[in-house]
Amino acid sequence: MKALIFSAMASALIVLTGCGDSATKKTATPFLIMGTSGTSVDLAGTWRQPCMYSTNNSKSEISTTSVDGGNLTFSVSETLGDQTLNNCTVSPDWKMDATATIALGATGTATWVDGAGASVTPAGIPAGALASLVTGTITKMTLTPLTSAGLLVLNAGQTCGLSGYTLNTPMNLLGSACDQSGGKLSEYWAVVDSATPDEWYTGDDPTMPYQLGYYDPKLRQ
């Protein structure tokens, strides 16, 4: 079961100061978790999940996740139809944006499953590699239709149990049928820091602590 993760934005900000071309670059605040190599990894910065197509719902999606200390930002754009050959560069039909505050919890031995839920032993990841529990509070979750086709689909299906979507207007999803956790975040994260670039995997099944989906990782940018 694919996890939907909310991860916080930590891109470097360029702040112009005074006159001329001088600029100060503000770097993101670190957020350290244990990598699968056994050393600490800083999640701060921006991560991207490559363009994917789901045959289950006939939609392509691409997402960006950023981390800045205990603040997270997540954005996913979806397009009707298979856009993987175009790397999801076709204008999306809607997007979902979320922010959250997060805190690091306990670590535990990671277990791994593939996209079908079958247990796997990933090559190159040491036995006994650790995953981290991350908890938090979702502070914003919105869904915005970006095309007339997307607007029609969202309203016709009453997506998240809601109607009355308006083009280019964010709809609040907190408290909706899509907010199944009641605004709470509880996930298991692991970073394979032996890969280039680093790969970030997640899991969110409360009945399977420290179980991660070994597919479609987020890649450090």
C-alpha atoms as a PDB file:
ATOM      1  CA  MET A   1       0.000   0.000   0.000  1.00  0.00           C
ATOM      2  CA  LYS A   2       1.567   3.170  -1.141  1.00  0.00           C
ATOM      3  CA  ALA A   3       2.201   5.679   1.631  1.00  0.00           C
ATOM      4  CA  LEU A   4       1.243   9.255   1.248  1.00  0.00           C
ATOM      5  CA  ILE A   5       3.807  11.210   2.919  1.00  0.00           C
ATOM      6  CA  PHE A   6       3.914  14.874   3.963  1.00  0.00           C
ATOM      7  CA  SER A   7       7.420  16.165   3.939  1.00  0.00           C
ATOM      8  CA  ALA A   8       8.609  19.615   4.639  1.00  0.00           C
ATOM      9  CA  MET A   9      10.097  22.171   2.420  1.00  0.00           C
ATOM     10  CA  ALA A  10      13.647  23.164   3.001  1.00  0.00           C
ATOM     11  CA  SER A  11      14.910  24.757  -0.153  1.00  0.00           C
ATOM     12  CA  ALA A  12      17.686  27.326   0.079  1.00  0.00           C
ATOM     13  CA  LEU A  13      16.222  30.812   0.019  1.00  0.00           C
ATOM     14  CA  ILE A  14      17.910  33.644  -1.766  1.00  0.00           C
ATOM     15  CA  VAL A  15      17.471  36.866   0.164  1.00  0.00           C
ATOM     16  CA  LEU A  16      18.468  40.031  -1.641  1.00  0.00           C
ATOM     17  CA  THR A  17      20.088  42.583   0.623  1.00  0.00           C
ATOM     18  CA  GLY A  18      20.538  46.253  -0.147  1.00  0.00           C
ATOM     19  CA  CYS A  19      21.602  47.368  -3.589  1.00  0.00           C
ATOM     20  CA  GLY A  20      23.687  45.649  -6.200  1.00  0.00           C
ATOM     21  CA  ASP A  21      24.061  41.890  -6.636  1.00  0.00           C
ATOM     22  CA  SER A  22      24.889  40.815  -3.102  1.00  0.00           C
ATOM     23  CA  ALA A  23      22.813  37.913  -1.788  1.00  0.00           C
ATOM     24  CA  THR A  24      22.697  35.683   1.260  1.00  0.00           C
ATOM     25  CA  LYS A  25      21.784  32.043   0.932  1.00  0.00           C
ATOM     26  CA  LYS A  26      19.743  30.643   3.826  1.00  0.00           C
ATOM     27  CA  THR A  27      20.233  26.913   4.193  1.00  0.00           C
ATOM     28  CA  ALA A  28      17.646  24.566   5.635  1.00  0.00           C
ATOM     29  CA  THR A  29      17.714  23.529   9.289  1.00  0.00           C
ATOM     30  CA  PRO A  30      18.948  19.925   9.684  1.00  0.00           C
ATOM     31  CA  PHE A  31      16.623  17.013  10.420  1.00  0.00           C
ATOM     32  CA  LEU A  32      18.749  13.964  11.178  1.00  0.00           C
ATOM     33  CA  ILE A  33      17.654  10.335  10.956  1.00  0.00           C
ATOM     34  CA  MET A  34      19.645   7.117  10.854  1.00  0.00           C
ATOM     35  CA  GLY A  35      20.597   5.994   7.354  1.00  0.00           C
ATOM     36  CA  THR A  36      20.624   2.330   6.374  1.00  0.00           C
ATOM     37  CA  SER A  37      24.432   2.429   6.464  1.00  0.00           C
ATOM     38  CA  GLY A  38      24.285   3.108  10.202  1.00  0.00           C
ATOM     39  CA  THR A  39      25.332   6.759  10.028  1.00  0.00           C
ATOM     40  CA  SER A  40      23.160   9.843  10.464  1.00  0.00           C
ATOM     41  CA  VAL A  41      21.589  11.387   7.361  1.00  0.00           C
ATOM     42  CA  ASP A  42      20.277  14.938   7.108  1.00  0.00           C
ATOM     43  CA  LEU A  43      16.899  15.018   5.354  1.00  0.00           C
ATOM     44  CA  ALA A  44      16.977  18.805   5.019  1.00  0.00           C
ATOM     45  CA  GLY A  45      16.434  19.953   1.456  1.00  0.00           C
ATOM     46  CA  THR A  46      14.249  18.987  -1.479  1.00  0.00           C
ATOM     47  CA  TRP A  47      13.383  15.485  -2.681  1.00  0.00           C
ATOM     48  CA  ARG A  48      11.456  14.424  -5.763  1.00  0.00           C
ATOM     49  CA  GLN A  49       9.559  11.293  -6.658  1.00  0.00           C
ATOM     50  CA  PRO A  50       9.857  10.617 -10.407  1.00  0.00           C
ATOM     51  CA  CYS A  51       6.857  10.592 -12.723  1.00  0.00           C
ATOM     52  CA  MET A  52       4.700   7.508 -12.151  1.00  0.00           C
ATOM     53  CA  TYR A  53       1.608   6.082 -13.850  1.00  0.00           C
ATOM     54  CA  SER A  54      -1.031   4.085 -11.978  1.00  0.00           C
ATOM     55  CA  THR A  55      -3.000   1.569 -14.026  1.00  0.00           C
ATOM     56  CA  ASN A  56      -5.504   1.381 -11.143  1.00  0.00           C
ATOM     57  CA  ASN A  57      -6.786   4.927 -11.607  1.00  0.00           C
ATOM     58  CA  SER A  58      -5.287   5.864 -15.000  1.00  0.00           C
ATOM     59  CA  LYS A  59      -3.429   8.881 -13.629  1.00  0.00           C
ATOM     60  CA  SER A  60       0.181  10.042 -13.730  1.00  0.00           C
ATOM     61  CA  GLU A  61       1.708  11.824 -10.763  1.00  0.00           C
ATOM     62  CA  ILE A  62       4.893  13.537  -9.697  1.00  0.00           C
ATOM     63  CA  SER A  63       5.628  14.812  -6.206  1.00  0.00           C
ATOM     64  CA  THR A  64       8.069  17.049  -4.388  1.00  0.00           C
ATOM     65  CA  THR A  65       8.894  16.826  -0.703  1.00  0.00           C
ATOM     66  CA  SER A  66      10.993  19.241   1.317  1.00  0.00           C
ATOM     67  CA  VAL A  67      12.293  19.290   4.875  1.00  0.00           C
ATOM     68  CA  ASP A  68      13.413  22.270   6.958  1.00  0.00           C
ATOM     69  CA  GLY A  69      14.023  21.202  10.536  1.00  0.00           C
ATOM     70  CA  GLY A  70      10.667  20.180  12.009  1.00  0.00           C
ATOM     71  CA  ASN A  71       8.672  21.719   9.150  1.00  0.00           C
ATOM     72  CA  LEU A  72       7.594  19.736   6.123  1.00  0.00           C
ATOM     73  CA  THR A  73       5.973  20.529   2.794  1.00  0.00           C
ATOM     74  CA  PHE A  74       4.561  18.063   0.291  1.00  0.00           C
ATOM     75  CA  SER A  75       3.104  18.694  -3.165  1.00  0.00           C
ATOM     76  CA  VAL A  76       1.795  16.143  -5.657  1.00  0.00           C
ATOM     77  CA  SER A  77       0.427  16.941  -9.131  1.00  0.00           C
ATOM     78  CA  GLU A  78      -1.729  14.468 -11.051  1.00  0.00           C
ATOM     79  CA  THR A  79      -2.584  14.276 -14.738  1.00  0.00           C
ATOM     80  CA  LEU A  80      -5.297  12.145 -16.329  1.00  0.00           C
ATOM     81  CA  GLY A  81      -3.754   9.491 -18.565  1.00  0.00           C
ATOM     82  CA  ASP A  82      -0.237   8.125 -18.939  1.00  0.00           C
ATOM     83  CA  GLN A  83       2.275  10.989 -19.046  1.00  0.00           C
ATOM     84  CA  THR A  84       5.387   9.029 -18.055  1.00  0.00           C
ATOM     85  CA  LEU A  85       6.958   9.406 -21.509  1.00  0.00           C
ATOM     86  CA  ASN A  86       6.690  13.175 -21.052  1.00  0.00           C
ATOM     87  CA  ASN A  87       8.044  12.914 -17.478  1.00  0.00           C
ATOM     88  CA  CYS A  88       4.817  14.511 -16.189  1.00  0.00           C
ATOM     89  CA  THR A  89       5.614  17.795 -17.932  1.00  0.00           C
ATOM     90  CA  VAL A  90       2.085  18.031 -19.369  1.00  0.00           C
ATOM     91  CA  SER A  91       0.015  20.514 -17.378  1.00  0.00           C
ATOM     92  CA  PRO A  92      -1.532  18.646 -14.416  1.00  0.00           C
ATOM     93  CA  ASP A  93      -5.287  18.403 -13.890  1.00  0.00           C
ATOM     94  CA  TRP A  94      -5.063  18.987 -10.131  1.00  0.00           C
ATOM     95  CA  LYS A  95      -2.570  19.233  -7.295  1.00  0.00           C
ATOM     96  CA  MET A  96      -2.562  18.447  -3.605  1.00  0.00           C
ATOM     97  CA  ASP A  97      -0.467  20.521  -1.196  1.00  0.00           C
ATOM     98  CA  ALA A  98       0.218  19.815   2.461  1.00  0.00           C
ATOM     99  CA  THR A  99       2.370  21.069   5.289  1.00  0.00           C
ATOM    100  CA  ALA A 100       3.130  19.485   8.645  1.00  0.00           C
ATOM    101  CA  THR A 101       5.264  19.787  11.716  1.00  0.00           C
ATOM    102  CA  ILE A 102       7.272  16.673  12.542  1.00  0.00           C
ATOM    103  CA  ALA A 103       9.274  15.072  15.334  1.00  0.00           C
ATOM    104  CA  LEU A 104      11.624  12.105  15.313  1.00  0.00           C
ATOM    105  CA  GLY A 105      10.638   9.047  17.325  1.00  0.00           C
ATOM    106  CA  ALA A 106      12.186   5.675  18.062  1.00  0.00           C
ATOM    107  CA  THR A 107      14.120   3.540  15.581  1.00  0.00           C
ATOM    108  CA  GLY A 108      13.523  -0.110  14.764  1.00  0.00           C
ATOM    109  CA  THR A 109      14.740  -2.758  12.358  1.00  0.00           C
ATOM    110  CA  ALA A 110      13.355  -2.088   8.895  1.00  0.00           C
ATOM    111  CA  THR A 111      11.402  -4.677   6.942  1.00  0.00           C
ATOM    112  CA  TRP A 112      10.591  -4.244   3.260  1.00  0.00           C
ATOM    113  CA  VAL A 113       7.722  -5.049   0.897  1.00  0.00           C
ATOM    114  CA  ASP A 114       7.292  -4.560  -2.833  1.00  0.00           C
ATOM    115  CA  GLY A 115       4.416  -2.785  -4.570  1.00  0.00           C
ATOM    116  CA  ALA A 116       2.246  -5.897  -4.261  1.00  0.00           C
ATOM    117  CA  GLY A 117       2.881  -6.180  -0.522  1.00  0.00           C
ATOM    118  CA  ALA A 118       5.225  -9.179  -0.754  1.00  0.00           C
ATOM    119  CA  SER A 119       8.294  -9.304   1.499  1.00  0.00           C
ATOM    120  CA  VAL A 120      11.579  -8.486  -0.230  1.00  0.00           C
ATOM    121  CA  THR A 121      15.242  -8.337   0.777  1.00  0.00           C
ATOM    122  CA  PRO A 122      16.719  -5.332  -1.048  1.00  0.00           C
ATOM    123  CA  ALA A 123      20.190  -5.856  -2.454  1.00  0.00           C
ATOM    124  CA  GLY A 124      22.847  -3.622  -0.939  1.00  0.00           C
ATOM    125  CA  ILE A 125      20.914  -2.790   2.240  1.00  0.00           C
ATOM    126  CA  PRO A 126      22.459  -4.365   5.357  1.00  0.00           C
ATOM    127  CA  ALA A 127      20.381  -6.773   7.417  1.00  0.00           C
ATOM    128  CA  GLY A 128      19.340  -4.959  10.556  1.00  0.00           C
ATOM    129  CA  ALA A 129      19.227  -1.539   8.873  1.00  0.00           C
ATOM    130  CA  LEU A 130      17.125   0.875  10.880  1.00  0.00           C
ATOM    131  CA  ALA A 131      13.988   2.839  10.066  1.00  0.00           C
ATOM    132  CA  SER A 132      12.709   5.783  12.113  1.00  0.00           C
ATOM    133  CA  LEU A 133       9.247   6.582  13.409  1.00  0.00           C
ATOM    134  CA  VAL A 134       8.244  10.151  12.543  1.00  0.00           C
ATOM    135  CA  THR A 135       5.130  11.723  14.031  1.00  0.00           C
ATOM    136  CA  GLY A 136       3.571  15.119  13.606  1.00  0.00           C
ATOM    137  CA  THR A 137       0.590  17.324  12.916  1.00  0.00           C
ATOM    138  CA  ILE A 138      -0.716  18.174   9.459  1.00  0.00           C
ATOM    139  CA  THR A 139      -1.248  21.934   9.391  1.00  0.00           C
ATOM    140  CA  LYS A 140      -2.549  22.275   5.822  1.00  0.00           C
ATOM    141  CA  MET A 141      -3.966  19.896   3.208  1.00  0.00           C
ATOM    142  CA  THR A 142      -5.635  21.269   0.087  1.00  0.00           C
ATOM    143  CA  LEU A 143      -6.717  19.997  -3.333  1.00  0.00           C
ATOM    144  CA  THR A 144      -6.814  22.407  -6.281  1.00  0.00           C
ATOM    145  CA  PRO A 145      -8.369  21.645  -9.710  1.00  0.00           C
ATOM    146  CA  LEU A 146      -6.178  23.131 -12.440  1.00  0.00           C
ATOM    147  CA  THR A 147      -8.070  22.213 -15.643  1.00  0.00           C
ATOM    148  CA  SER A 148     -11.730  21.975 -16.622  1.00  0.00           C
ATOM    149  CA  ALA A 149     -11.291  18.205 -17.085  1.00  0.00           C
ATOM    150  CA  GLY A 150      -9.836  17.890 -13.606  1.00  0.00           C
ATOM    151  CA  LEU A 151     -12.620  20.022 -12.140  1.00  0.00           C
ATOM    152  CA  LEU A 152     -15.238  17.779 -13.739  1.00  0.00           C
ATOM    153  CA  VAL A 153     -13.632  14.620 -12.345  1.00  0.00           C
ATOM    154  CA  LEU A 154     -13.272  15.980  -8.807  1.00  0.00           C
ATOM    155  CA  ASN A 155     -16.853  17.230  -8.601  1.00  0.00           C
ATOM    156  CA  ALA A 156     -18.415  14.235 -10.355  1.00  0.00           C
ATOM    157  CA  GLY A 157     -16.682  11.837  -7.984  1.00  0.00           C
ATOM    158  CA  GLN A 158     -17.142  14.050  -4.916  1.00  0.00           C
ATOM    159  CA  THR A 159     -13.454  13.503  -4.221  1.00  0.00           C
ATOM    160  CA  CYS A 160     -12.690  13.283  -0.489  1.00  0.00           C
ATOM    161  CA  GLY A 161     -16.441  13.394   0.119  1.00  0.00           C
ATOM    162  CA  LEU A 162     -16.593  17.010  -1.032  1.00  0.00           C
ATOM    163  CA  SER A 163     -18.376  18.894  -3.806  1.00  0.00           C
ATOM    164  CA  GLY A 164     -18.210  22.468  -4.994  1.00  0.00           C
ATOM    165  CA  TYR A 165     -14.627  22.409  -6.244  1.00  0.00           C
ATOM    166  CA  THR A 166     -13.755  25.589  -8.154  1.00  0.00           C
ATOM    167  CA  LEU A 167     -11.091  25.967 -10.833  1.00  0.00           C
ATOM    168  CA  ASN A 168      -7.729  27.138  -9.432  1.00  0.00           C
ATOM    169  CA  THR A 169      -9.168  27.441  -5.919  1.00  0.00           C
ATOM    170  CA  PRO A 170      -7.707  25.261  -3.120  1.00  0.00           C
ATOM    171  CA  MET A 171     -10.260  23.107  -1.290  1.00  0.00           C
ATOM    172  CA  ASN A 172      -9.463  22.406   2.371  1.00  0.00           C
ATOM    173  CA  LEU A 173      -9.174  18.658   2.981  1.00  0.00           C
ATOM    174  CA  LEU A 174      -8.548  18.722   6.729  1.00  0.00           C
ATOM    175  CA  GLY A 175     -11.512  17.042   8.373  1.00  0.00           C
ATOM    176  CA  SER A 176     -12.626  15.513   5.063  1.00  0.00           C
ATOM    177  CA  ALA A 177     -12.839  11.840   4.113  1.00  0.00           C
ATOM    178  CA  CYS A 178      -9.257  12.071   2.838  1.00  0.00           C
ATOM    179  CA  ASP A 179      -8.027  13.152   6.282  1.00  0.00           C
ATOM    180  CA  GLN A 180      -8.279   9.660   7.697  1.00  0.00           C
ATOM    181  CA  SER A 181      -5.768  10.343  10.470  1.00  0.00           C
ATOM    182  CA  GLY A 182      -7.566  13.399  11.817  1.00  0.00           C
ATOM    183  CA  GLY A 183      -4.688  15.700  11.019  1.00  0.00           C
ATOM    184  CA  LYS A 184      -2.076  13.448  12.615  1.00  0.00           C
ATOM    185  CA  LEU A 185       1.039  12.100  10.931  1.00  0.00           C
ATOM    186  CA  SER A 186       2.660   8.800  11.871  1.00  0.00           C
ATOM    187  CA  GLU A 187       5.023   7.165   9.400  1.00  0.00           C
ATOM    188  CA  TYR A 188       8.187   5.079   9.186  1.00  0.00           C
ATOM    189  CA  TRP A 189      11.071   6.527   7.170  1.00  0.00           C
ATOM    190  CA  ALA A 190      14.396   5.173   5.991  1.00  0.00           C
ATOM    191  CA  VAL A 191      17.085   6.652   3.760  1.00  0.00           C
ATOM    192  CA  VAL A 192      19.323   4.393   1.708  1.00  0.00           C
ATOM    193  CA  ASP A 193      22.452   6.521   1.883  1.00  0.00           C
ATOM    194  CA  SER A 194      24.589   4.036  -0.041  1.00  0.00           C
ATOM    195  CA  ALA A 195      22.649   4.928  -3.212  1.00  0.00           C
ATOM    196  CA  THR A 196      23.472   7.860  -5.498  1.00  0.00           C
ATOM    197  CA  PRO A 197      21.507  10.016  -5.023  1.00  0.00           C
ATOM    198  CA  ASP A 198      20.111   9.126  -1.598  1.00  0.00           C
ATOM    199  CA  GLU A 199      16.795   7.247  -1.721  1.00  0.00           C
ATOM    200  CA  TRP A 200      14.015   7.923   0.811  1.00  0.00           C
ATOM    201  CA  TYR A 201      11.448   5.184   1.507  1.00  0.00           C
ATOM    202  CA  THR A 202       8.322   5.354   3.673  1.00  0.00           C
ATOM    203  CA  GLY A 203       5.646   3.206   5.257  1.00  0.00           C
ATOM    204  CA  ASP A 204       2.499   4.046   7.213  1.00  0.00           C
ATOM    205  CA  ASP A 205       0.875   0.772   8.274  1.00  0.00           C
ATOM    206  CA  PRO A 206       0.374   1.005  12.076  1.00  0.00           C
ATOM    207  CA  THR A 207      -0.017  -2.774  12.301  1.00  0.00           C
ATOM    208  CA  MET A 208       3.431  -3.341  10.738  1.00  0.00           C
ATOM    209  CA  PRO A 209       5.937  -1.160  12.615  1.00  0.00           C
ATOM    210  CA  TYR A 210       9.028  -0.156  10.625  1.00  0.00           C
ATOM    211  CA  GLN A 211       7.763  -1.789   7.423  1.00  0.00           C
ATOM    212  CA  LEU A 212       8.683   0.190   4.306  1.00  0.00           C
ATOM    213  CA  GLY A 213       7.590   0.027   0.691  1.00  0.00           C
ATOM    214  CA  TYR A 214      10.645  -0.769  -1.439  1.00  0.00           C
ATOM    215  CA  TYR A 215       9.408   1.007  -4.589  1.00  0.00           C
ATOM    216  CA  ASP A 216       9.124   4.510  -6.038  1.00  0.00           C
ATOM    217  CA  PRO A 217      11.605   6.223  -3.689  1.00  0.00           C
ATOM    218  CA  LYS A 218      12.025   9.943  -3.311  1.00  0.00           C
ATOM    219  CA  LEU A 219      15.399  11.078  -4.650  1.00  0.00           C
ATOM    220  CA  ARG A 220      17.525  13.823  -3.173  1.00  0.00           C
ATOM    221  CA  GLN A 221      17.737  16.863  -5.466  1.00  0.00           C
END
